[in-house]
Structure formats: C-alpha cells, structure tokens
PDB file of all heavy atoms in Angstrom:
ATOM      1  N   LYS A   1     105.633  56.415 106.539  1.00  0.00           N
ATOM      2  CA  LYS A   1     106.456  55.186 106.650  1.00  0.00           C
ATOM      3  C   LYS A   1     105.594  53.891 106.794  1.00  0.00           C
ATOM      4  O   LYS A   1     105.860  52.836 106.339  1.00  0.00           O
ATOM      5  CB  LYS A   1     107.293  55.310 108.006  1.00  0.00           C
ATOM      6  CG  LYS A   1     108.239  54.251 108.311  1.00  0.00           C
ATOM      7  CD  LYS A   1     109.648  54.721 107.876  1.00  0.00           C
ATOM      8  CE  LYS A   1     110.735  53.698 108.349  1.00  0.00           C
ATOM      9  NZ  LYS A   1     111.660  53.454 107.349  1.00  0.00           N
ATOM     10  N   MET A   2     104.404  54.124 107.501  1.00  0.00           N
ATOM     11  CA  MET A   2     103.480  53.002 107.700  1.00  0.00           C
ATOM     12  C   MET A   2     102.904  52.533 106.286  1.00  0.00           C
ATOM     13  O   MET A   2     102.586  51.323 106.089  1.00  0.00           O
ATOM     14  CB  MET A   2     102.345  53.338 108.654  1.00  0.00           C
ATOM     15  CG  MET A   2     102.835  53.635 110.026  1.00  0.00           C
ATOM     16  SD  MET A   2     101.873  53.075 111.376  1.00  0.00           S
ATOM     17  CE  MET A   2     100.519  52.184 110.803  1.00  0.00           C
ATOM     18  N   GLU A   3     102.720  53.409 105.430  1.00  0.00           N
ATOM     19  CA  GLU A   3     102.192  53.124 104.082  1.00  0.00           C
ATOM     20  C   GLU A   3     103.279  52.555 103.095  1.00  0.00           C
ATOM     21  O   GLU A   3     103.007  52.200 102.069  1.00  0.00           O
ATOM     22  CB  GLU A   3     101.598  54.335 103.347  1.00  0.00           C
ATOM     23  CG  GLU A   3     100.188  54.743 104.104  1.00  0.00           C
ATOM     24  CD  GLU A   3      99.126  53.712 103.881  1.00  0.00           C
ATOM     25  OE1 GLU A   3      99.057  53.224 102.770  1.00  0.00           O
ATOM     26  OE2 GLU A   3      98.391  53.502 104.879  1.00  0.00           O
ATOM     27  N   GLY A   4     104.565  52.684 103.506  1.00  0.00           N
ATOM     28  CA  GLY A   4     105.701  52.235 102.726  1.00  0.00           C
ATOM     29  C   GLY A   4     106.155  53.159 101.610  1.00  0.00           C
ATOM     30  O   GLY A   4     106.807  52.712 100.720  1.00  0.00           O
ATOM     31  N   HIS A   5     105.811  54.367 101.711  1.00  0.00           N
ATOM     32  CA  HIS A   5     106.327  55.383 100.705  1.00  0.00           C
ATOM     33  C   HIS A   5     107.671  55.857 100.924  1.00  0.00           C
ATOM     34  O   HIS A   5     108.201  56.325  99.946  1.00  0.00           O
ATOM     35  CB  HIS A   5     105.346  56.608 100.731  1.00  0.00           C
ATOM     36  CG  HIS A   5     103.926  56.316 100.441  1.00  0.00           C
ATOM     37  ND1 HIS A   5     103.447  55.576  99.446  1.00  0.00           N
ATOM     38  CD2 HIS A   5     102.758  56.664 101.074  1.00  0.00           C
ATOM     39  CE1 HIS A   5     102.183  55.404  99.376  1.00  0.00           C
ATOM     40  NE2 HIS A   5     101.735  56.119 100.486  1.00  0.00           N
ATOM     41  N   LEU A   6     108.304  55.618 102.033  1.00  0.00           N
ATOM     42  CA  LEU A   6     109.628  56.044 102.280  1.00  0.00           C
ATOM     43  C   LEU A   6     110.674  55.025 101.967  1.00  0.00           C
ATOM     44  O   LEU A   6     111.852  55.294 101.893  1.00  0.00           O
ATOM     45  CB  LEU A   6     109.865  56.582 103.651  1.00  0.00           C
ATOM     46  CG  LEU A   6     109.087  57.932 104.031  1.00  0.00           C
ATOM     47  CD1 LEU A   6     109.178  58.185 105.454  1.00  0.00           C
ATOM     48  CD2 LEU A   6     109.733  59.092 103.244  1.00  0.00           C
ATOM     49  N   SER A   7     110.203  53.797 101.705  1.00  0.00           N
ATOM     50  CA  SER A   7     111.178  52.666 101.396  1.00  0.00           C
ATOM     51  C   SER A   7     111.649  52.676  99.961  1.00  0.00           C
ATOM     52  O   SER A   7     110.748  52.813  99.075  1.00  0.00           O
ATOM     53  CB  SER A   7     110.493  51.249 101.778  1.00  0.00           C
ATOM     54  OG  SER A   7     110.027  51.355 103.130  1.00  0.00           O
ATOM     55  N   ARG A   8     112.917  52.495  99.793  1.00  0.00           N
ATOM     56  CA  ARG A   8     113.357  52.327  98.455  1.00  0.00           C
ATOM     57  C   ARG A   8     113.342  50.752  98.079  1.00  0.00           C
ATOM     58  O   ARG A   8     113.868  50.023  98.787  1.00  0.00           O
ATOM     59  CB  ARG A   8     114.852  52.820  98.241  1.00  0.00           C
ATOM     60  CG  ARG A   8     115.342  52.758  96.839  1.00  0.00           C
ATOM     61  CD  ARG A   8     116.912  52.741  96.850  1.00  0.00           C
ATOM     62  NE  ARG A   8     117.386  52.969  95.426  1.00  0.00           N
ATOM     63  CZ  ARG A   8     117.417  52.018  94.523  1.00  0.00           C
ATOM     64  NH1 ARG A   8     116.913  50.828  94.813  1.00  0.00           N
ATOM     65  NH2 ARG A   8     117.777  52.292  93.371  1.00  0.00           N
ATOM     66  N   ASP A   9     112.770  50.576  96.887  1.00  0.00           N
ATOM     67  CA  ASP A   9     112.623  49.226  96.405  1.00  0.00           C
ATOM     68  C   ASP A   9     114.111  48.679  95.860  1.00  0.00           C
ATOM     69  O   ASP A   9     114.450  49.333  94.947  1.00  0.00           O
ATOM     70  CB  ASP A   9     111.590  49.118  95.325  1.00  0.00           C
ATOM     71  CG  ASP A   9     111.205  47.705  94.998  1.00  0.00           C
ATOM     72  OD1 ASP A   9     112.105  46.772  95.268  1.00  0.00           O
ATOM     73  OD2 ASP A   9     110.264  47.444  94.345  1.00  0.00           O
ATOM     74  N   PRO A  10     114.718  47.794  96.489  1.00  0.00           N
ATOM     75  CA  PRO A  10     116.083  47.532  96.189  1.00  0.00           C
ATOM     76  C   PRO A  10     116.253  46.693  94.995  1.00  0.00           C
ATOM     77  O   PRO A  10     117.381  46.516  94.446  1.00  0.00           O
ATOM     78  CB  PRO A  10     116.650  46.748  97.343  1.00  0.00           C
ATOM     79  CG  PRO A  10     115.390  46.233  97.905  1.00  0.00           C
ATOM     80  CD  PRO A  10     114.276  46.987  97.710  1.00  0.00           C
ATOM     81  N   ARG A  11     115.125  46.132  94.344  1.00  0.00           N
ATOM     82  CA  ARG A  11     115.283  45.250  93.232  1.00  0.00           C
ATOM     83  C   ARG A  11     115.738  45.996  91.993  1.00  0.00           C
ATOM     84  O   ARG A  11     115.356  47.076  91.635  1.00  0.00           O
ATOM     85  CB  ARG A  11     113.851  44.549  92.933  1.00  0.00           C
ATOM     86  CG  ARG A  11     113.346  43.670  94.024  1.00  0.00           C
ATOM     87  CD  ARG A  11     112.013  43.269  93.737  1.00  0.00           C
ATOM     88  NE  ARG A  11     111.015  44.315  93.682  1.00  0.00           N
ATOM     89  CZ  ARG A  11     109.847  44.148  93.323  1.00  0.00           C
ATOM     90  NH1 ARG A  11     109.345  43.051  92.792  1.00  0.00           N
ATOM     91  NH2 ARG A  11     109.042  45.170  93.251  1.00  0.00           N
ATOM     92  N   ALA A  12     116.707  45.340  91.294  1.00  0.00           N
ATOM     93  CA  ALA A  12     117.254  45.956  90.140  1.00  0.00           C
ATOM     94  C   ALA A  12     117.627  44.774  89.149  1.00  0.00           C
ATOM     95  O   ALA A  12     117.765  43.654  89.675  1.00  0.00           O
ATOM     96  CB  ALA A  12     118.412  46.865  90.414  1.00  0.00           C
ATOM     97  N   LYS A  13     118.060  45.171  87.932  1.00  0.00           N
ATOM     98  CA  LYS A  13     118.349  43.999  87.090  1.00  0.00           C
ATOM     99  C   LYS A  13     119.749  43.528  87.421  1.00  0.00           C
ATOM    100  O   LYS A  13     120.653  44.155  87.753  1.00  0.00           O
ATOM    101  CB  LYS A  13     118.520  44.747  85.673  1.00  0.00           C
ATOM    102  CG  LYS A  13     118.746  43.637  84.540  1.00  0.00           C
ATOM    103  CD  LYS A  13     118.737  44.313  83.141  1.00  0.00           C
ATOM    104  CE  LYS A  13     119.167  43.426  82.127  1.00  0.00           C
ATOM    105  NZ  LYS A  13     118.053  42.729  81.375  1.00  0.00           N
ATOM    106  N   GLU A  14     119.834  42.224  87.449  1.00  0.00           N
ATOM    107  CA  GLU A  14     121.022  41.401  87.818  1.00  0.00           C
ATOM    108  C   GLU A  14     122.104  41.577  86.709  1.00  0.00           C
ATOM    109  O   GLU A  14     121.712  41.552  85.548  1.00  0.00           O
ATOM    110  CB  GLU A  14     120.780  39.939  88.105  1.00  0.00           C
ATOM    111  CG  GLU A  14     121.853  39.254  88.662  1.00  0.00           C
ATOM    112  CD  GLU A  14     121.336  37.825  89.026  1.00  0.00           C
ATOM    113  OE1 GLU A  14     120.215  37.495  89.126  1.00  0.00           O
ATOM    114  OE2 GLU A  14     122.273  36.990  89.325  1.00  0.00           O
ATOM    115  N   ARG A  15     123.322  41.816  87.109  1.00  0.00           N
ATOM    116  CA  ARG A  15     124.388  41.881  86.080  1.00  0.00           C
ATOM    117  C   ARG A  15     124.666  40.571  85.299  1.00  0.00           C
ATOM    118  O   ARG A  15     124.393  39.541  85.778  1.00  0.00           O
ATOM    119  CB  ARG A  15     125.716  42.420  86.734  1.00  0.00           C
ATOM    120  CG  ARG A  15     126.527  41.420  87.409  1.00  0.00           C
ATOM    121  CD  ARG A  15     127.904  41.981  87.726  1.00  0.00           C
ATOM    122  NE  ARG A  15     128.783  40.995  88.103  1.00  0.00           N
ATOM    123  CZ  ARG A  15     129.564  40.302  87.327  1.00  0.00           C
ATOM    124  NH1 ARG A  15     129.488  40.412  85.991  1.00  0.00           N
ATOM    125  NH2 ARG A  15     130.405  39.378  87.734  1.00  0.00           N
ATOM    126  N   ARG A  16     125.131  40.812  84.179  1.00  0.00           N
ATOM    127  CA  ARG A  16     125.463  39.759  83.172  1.00  0.00           C
ATOM    128  C   ARG A  16     126.835  39.052  83.607  1.00  0.00           C
ATOM    129  O   ARG A  16     127.734  39.727  83.822  1.00  0.00           O
ATOM    130  CB  ARG A  16     125.581  39.986  81.797  1.00  0.00           C
ATOM    131  CG  ARG A  16     125.838  38.904  80.847  1.00  0.00           C
ATOM    132  CD  ARG A  16     125.998  39.348  79.395  1.00  0.00           C
ATOM    133  NE  ARG A  16     126.514  38.317  78.490  1.00  0.00           N
ATOM    134  CZ  ARG A  16     127.731  38.161  78.384  1.00  0.00           C
ATOM    135  NH1 ARG A  16     128.642  38.886  78.976  1.00  0.00           N
ATOM    136  NH2 ARG A  16     128.112  37.097  77.558  1.00  0.00           N
ATOM    137  N   LYS A  17     126.821  37.680  83.750  1.00  0.00           N
ATOM    138  CA  LYS A  17     128.128  37.060  84.075  1.00  0.00           C
ATOM    139  C   LYS A  17     128.882  36.542  82.872  1.00  0.00           C
ATOM    140  O   LYS A  17     128.169  36.070  81.974  1.00  0.00           O
ATOM    141  CB  LYS A  17     127.996  35.903  85.022  1.00  0.00           C
ATOM    142  CG  LYS A  17     127.696  36.260  86.573  1.00  0.00           C
ATOM    143  CD  LYS A  17     126.252  36.816  86.704  1.00  0.00           C
ATOM    144  CE  LYS A  17     125.916  36.969  88.190  1.00  0.00           C
ATOM    145  NZ  LYS A  17     124.553  37.366  88.149  1.00  0.00           N
ATOM    146  N   TYR A  18     130.198  36.439  82.900  1.00  0.00           N
ATOM    147  CA  TYR A  18     130.863  35.988  81.782  1.00  0.00           C
ATOM    148  C   TYR A  18     130.584  34.461  81.496  1.00  0.00           C
ATOM    149  O   TYR A  18     130.395  33.841  82.536  1.00  0.00           O
ATOM    150  CB  TYR A  18     132.430  36.243  81.822  1.00  0.00           C
ATOM    151  CG  TYR A  18     133.012  35.584  83.218  1.00  0.00           C
ATOM    152  CD1 TYR A  18     133.495  34.262  83.111  1.00  0.00           C
ATOM    153  CD2 TYR A  18     133.089  36.314  84.368  1.00  0.00           C
ATOM    154  CE1 TYR A  18     134.014  33.614  84.199  1.00  0.00           C
ATOM    155  CE2 TYR A  18     133.657  35.686  85.478  1.00  0.00           C
ATOM    156  CZ  TYR A  18     134.100  34.440  85.424  1.00  0.00           C
ATOM    157  OH  TYR A  18     134.631  33.830  86.559  1.00  0.00           O
ATOM    158  N   GLY A  19     130.676  34.076  80.449  1.00  0.00           N
ATOM    159  CA  GLY A  19     130.404  32.710  80.011  1.00  0.00           C
ATOM    160  C   GLY A  19     128.907  32.337  79.894  1.00  0.00           C
ATOM    161  O   GLY A  19     128.508  31.242  79.555  1.00  0.00           O
ATOM    162  N   LEU A  20     128.008  33.306  80.169  1.00  0.00           N
ATOM    163  CA  LEU A  20     126.698  33.165  80.132  1.00  0.00           C
ATOM    164  C   LEU A  20     126.082  34.095  79.180  1.00  0.00           C
ATOM    165  O   LEU A  20     126.586  35.127  78.806  1.00  0.00           O
ATOM    166  CB  LEU A  20     125.963  33.409  81.498  1.00  0.00           C
ATOM    167  CG  LEU A  20     126.395  32.503  82.574  1.00  0.00           C
ATOM    168  CD1 LEU A  20     125.548  32.748  83.878  1.00  0.00           C
ATOM    169  CD2 LEU A  20     126.196  30.995  82.358  1.00  0.00           C
ATOM    170  N   LYS A  21     124.852  33.876  78.622  1.00  0.00           N
ATOM    171  CA  LYS A  21     124.269  34.657  77.581  1.00  0.00           C
ATOM    172  C   LYS A  21     123.544  35.825  78.255  1.00  0.00           C
ATOM    173  O   LYS A  21     123.575  36.909  77.710  1.00  0.00           O
ATOM    174  CB  LYS A  21     123.221  33.892  76.771  1.00  0.00           C
ATOM    175  CG  LYS A  21     123.888  32.792  75.942  1.00  0.00           C
ATOM    176  CD  LYS A  21     122.822  32.057  75.006  1.00  0.00           C
ATOM    177  CE  LYS A  21     123.437  31.032  74.201  1.00  0.00           C
ATOM    178  NZ  LYS A  21     124.210  31.616  73.075  1.00  0.00           N
ATOM    179  N   LYS A  22     122.905  35.657  79.425  1.00  0.00           N
ATOM    180  CA  LYS A  22     122.243  36.706  80.193  1.00  0.00           C
ATOM    181  C   LYS A  22     122.740  36.487  81.702  1.00  0.00           C
ATOM    182  O   LYS A  22     123.731  35.821  81.837  1.00  0.00           O
ATOM    183  CB  LYS A  22     120.670  36.568  80.040  1.00  0.00           C
ATOM    184  CG  LYS A  22     120.312  36.919  78.711  1.00  0.00           C
ATOM    185  CD  LYS A  22     118.839  37.107  78.440  1.00  0.00           C
ATOM    186  CE  LYS A  22     117.777  36.688  79.469  1.00  0.00           C
ATOM    187  NZ  LYS A  22     116.460  36.668  78.954  1.00  0.00           N
ATOM    188  N   ALA A  23     122.020  37.000  82.610  1.00  0.00           N
ATOM    189  CA  ALA A  23     122.535  36.955  84.010  1.00  0.00           C
ATOM    190  C   ALA A  23     122.648  35.516  84.461  1.00  0.00           C
ATOM    191  O   ALA A  23     123.551  35.125  85.243  1.00  0.00           O
ATOM    192  CB  ALA A  23     121.600  37.765  84.856  1.00  0.00           C
ATOM    193  N   ARG A  24     121.714  34.706  84.143  1.00  0.00           N
ATOM    194  CA  ARG A  24     121.548  33.338  84.493  1.00  0.00           C
ATOM    195  C   ARG A  24     121.502  32.271  83.325  1.00  0.00           C
ATOM    196  O   ARG A  24     121.638  31.054  83.471  1.00  0.00           O
ATOM    197  CB  ARG A  24     120.451  33.099  85.516  1.00  0.00           C
ATOM    198  CG  ARG A  24     120.776  33.897  86.813  1.00  0.00           C
ATOM    199  CD  ARG A  24     119.732  33.697  87.915  1.00  0.00           C
ATOM    200  NE  ARG A  24     119.936  34.574  89.010  1.00  0.00           N
ATOM    201  CZ  ARG A  24     119.538  34.225  90.199  1.00  0.00           C
ATOM    202  NH1 ARG A  24     118.742  33.149  90.354  1.00  0.00           N
ATOM    203  NH2 ARG A  24     119.676  35.098  91.068  1.00  0.00           N
ATOM    204  N   LYS A  25     121.180  32.743  82.139  1.00  0.00           N
ATOM    205  CA  LYS A  25     120.932  31.880  81.013  1.00  0.00           C
ATOM    206  C   LYS A  25     122.269  31.281  80.518  1.00  0.00           C
ATOM    207  O   LYS A  25     123.136  32.080  79.968  1.00  0.00           O
ATOM    208  CB  LYS A  25     120.175  32.526  79.956  1.00  0.00           C
ATOM    209  CG  LYS A  25     119.875  31.659  78.745  1.00  0.00           C
ATOM    210  CD  LYS A  25     119.056  32.471  77.737  1.00  0.00           C
ATOM    211  CE  LYS A  25     118.968  31.531  76.544  1.00  0.00           C
ATOM    212  NZ  LYS A  25     117.688  31.250  76.095  1.00  0.00           N
ATOM    213  N   ALA A  26     122.429  30.057  80.605  1.00  0.00           N
ATOM    214  CA  ALA A  26     123.625  29.492  80.052  1.00  0.00           C
ATOM    215  C   ALA A  26     123.555  28.976  78.528  1.00  0.00           C
ATOM    216  O   ALA A  26     122.419  28.825  78.138  1.00  0.00           O
ATOM    217  CB  ALA A  26     124.105  28.292  80.950  1.00  0.00           C
ATOM    218  N   PRO A  27     124.613  28.771  77.788  1.00  0.00           N
ATOM    219  CA  PRO A  27     124.490  28.256  76.454  1.00  0.00           C
ATOM    220  C   PRO A  27     124.051  26.755  76.624  1.00  0.00           C
ATOM    221  O   PRO A  27     124.135  26.145  77.620  1.00  0.00           O
ATOM    222  CB  PRO A  27     126.021  28.225  75.988  1.00  0.00           C
ATOM    223  CG  PRO A  27     126.665  29.133  76.937  1.00  0.00           C
ATOM    224  CD  PRO A  27     125.913  29.234  78.171  1.00  0.00           C
ATOM    225  N   GLN A  28     123.315  26.320  75.546  1.00  0.00           N
ATOM    226  CA  GLN A  28     122.782  24.993  75.539  1.00  0.00           C
ATOM    227  C   GLN A  28     123.878  24.031  75.704  1.00  0.00           C
ATOM    228  O   GLN A  28     124.975  24.054  75.091  1.00  0.00           O
ATOM    229  CB  GLN A  28     122.041  24.777  74.211  1.00  0.00           C
ATOM    230  CG  GLN A  28     121.349  23.426  74.238  1.00  0.00           C
ATOM    231  CD  GLN A  28     120.423  23.333  73.019  1.00  0.00           C
ATOM    232  OE1 GLN A  28     120.568  24.062  72.030  1.00  0.00           O
ATOM    233  NE2 GLN A  28     119.569  22.321  72.924  1.00  0.00           N
ATOM    234  N   TYR A  29     123.684  23.005  76.567  1.00  0.00           N
ATOM    235  CA  TYR A  29     124.730  22.021  76.782  1.00  0.00           C
ATOM    236  C   TYR A  29     124.675  21.029  75.620  1.00  0.00           C
ATOM    237  O   TYR A  29     123.642  20.518  75.151  1.00  0.00           O
ATOM    238  CB  TYR A  29     124.326  21.235  78.126  1.00  0.00           C
ATOM    239  CG  TYR A  29     125.210  20.027  78.330  1.00  0.00           C
ATOM    240  CD1 TYR A  29     126.635  20.153  78.677  1.00  0.00           C
ATOM    241  CD2 TYR A  29     124.758  18.725  78.148  1.00  0.00           C
ATOM    242  CE1 TYR A  29     127.436  19.153  78.975  1.00  0.00           C
ATOM    243  CE2 TYR A  29     125.573  17.648  78.470  1.00  0.00           C
ATOM    244  CZ  TYR A  29     126.869  17.883  78.896  1.00  0.00           C
ATOM    245  OH  TYR A  29     127.672  16.770  79.065  1.00  0.00           O
ATOM    246  N   SER A  30     125.895  20.662  75.271  1.00  0.00           N
ATOM    247  CA  SER A  30     126.042  19.641  74.101  1.00  0.00           C
ATOM    248  C   SER A  30     126.949  18.447  74.664  1.00  0.00           C
ATOM    249  O   SER A  30     128.037  18.695  75.057  1.00  0.00           O
ATOM    250  CB  SER A  30     126.645  20.267  72.902  1.00  0.00           C
ATOM    251  OG  SER A  30     126.876  19.214  71.978  1.00  0.00           O
ATOM    252  N   LYS A  31     126.430  17.247  74.608  1.00  0.00           N
ATOM    253  CA  LYS A  31     127.207  16.124  75.061  1.00  0.00           C
ATOM    254  C   LYS A  31     128.231  15.709  74.116  1.00  0.00           C
ATOM    255  O   LYS A  31     129.377  15.374  74.503  1.00  0.00           O
ATOM    256  CB  LYS A  31     126.201  14.890  75.447  1.00  0.00           C
ATOM    257  CG  LYS A  31     126.852  13.875  76.183  1.00  0.00           C
ATOM    258  CD  LYS A  31     125.818  12.888  76.718  1.00  0.00           C
ATOM    259  CE  LYS A  31     126.382  11.773  77.508  1.00  0.00           C
ATOM    260  NZ  LYS A  31     125.373  10.937  77.957  1.00  0.00           N
TER     261      LYS A  31
END
C-alpha cells in the first residue's frame, strides 16, 4: 500500500460527446 501497488489508476479514455469530433474537439467555427 505504501508503494502504491494496490491502488487502481482511475484514468481512462473520455467518452465522445455528440456534436463533437472527439471527446472535446469541436468542429471548426465558421462565422
């Protein structure tokens, strides 16, 4: 436990949201 071997690393790939190309990448804005 002191060395951190029992901890689960919670980081994982973020899910893709609708309207976006990837999890946070939005389409290019056009005025």
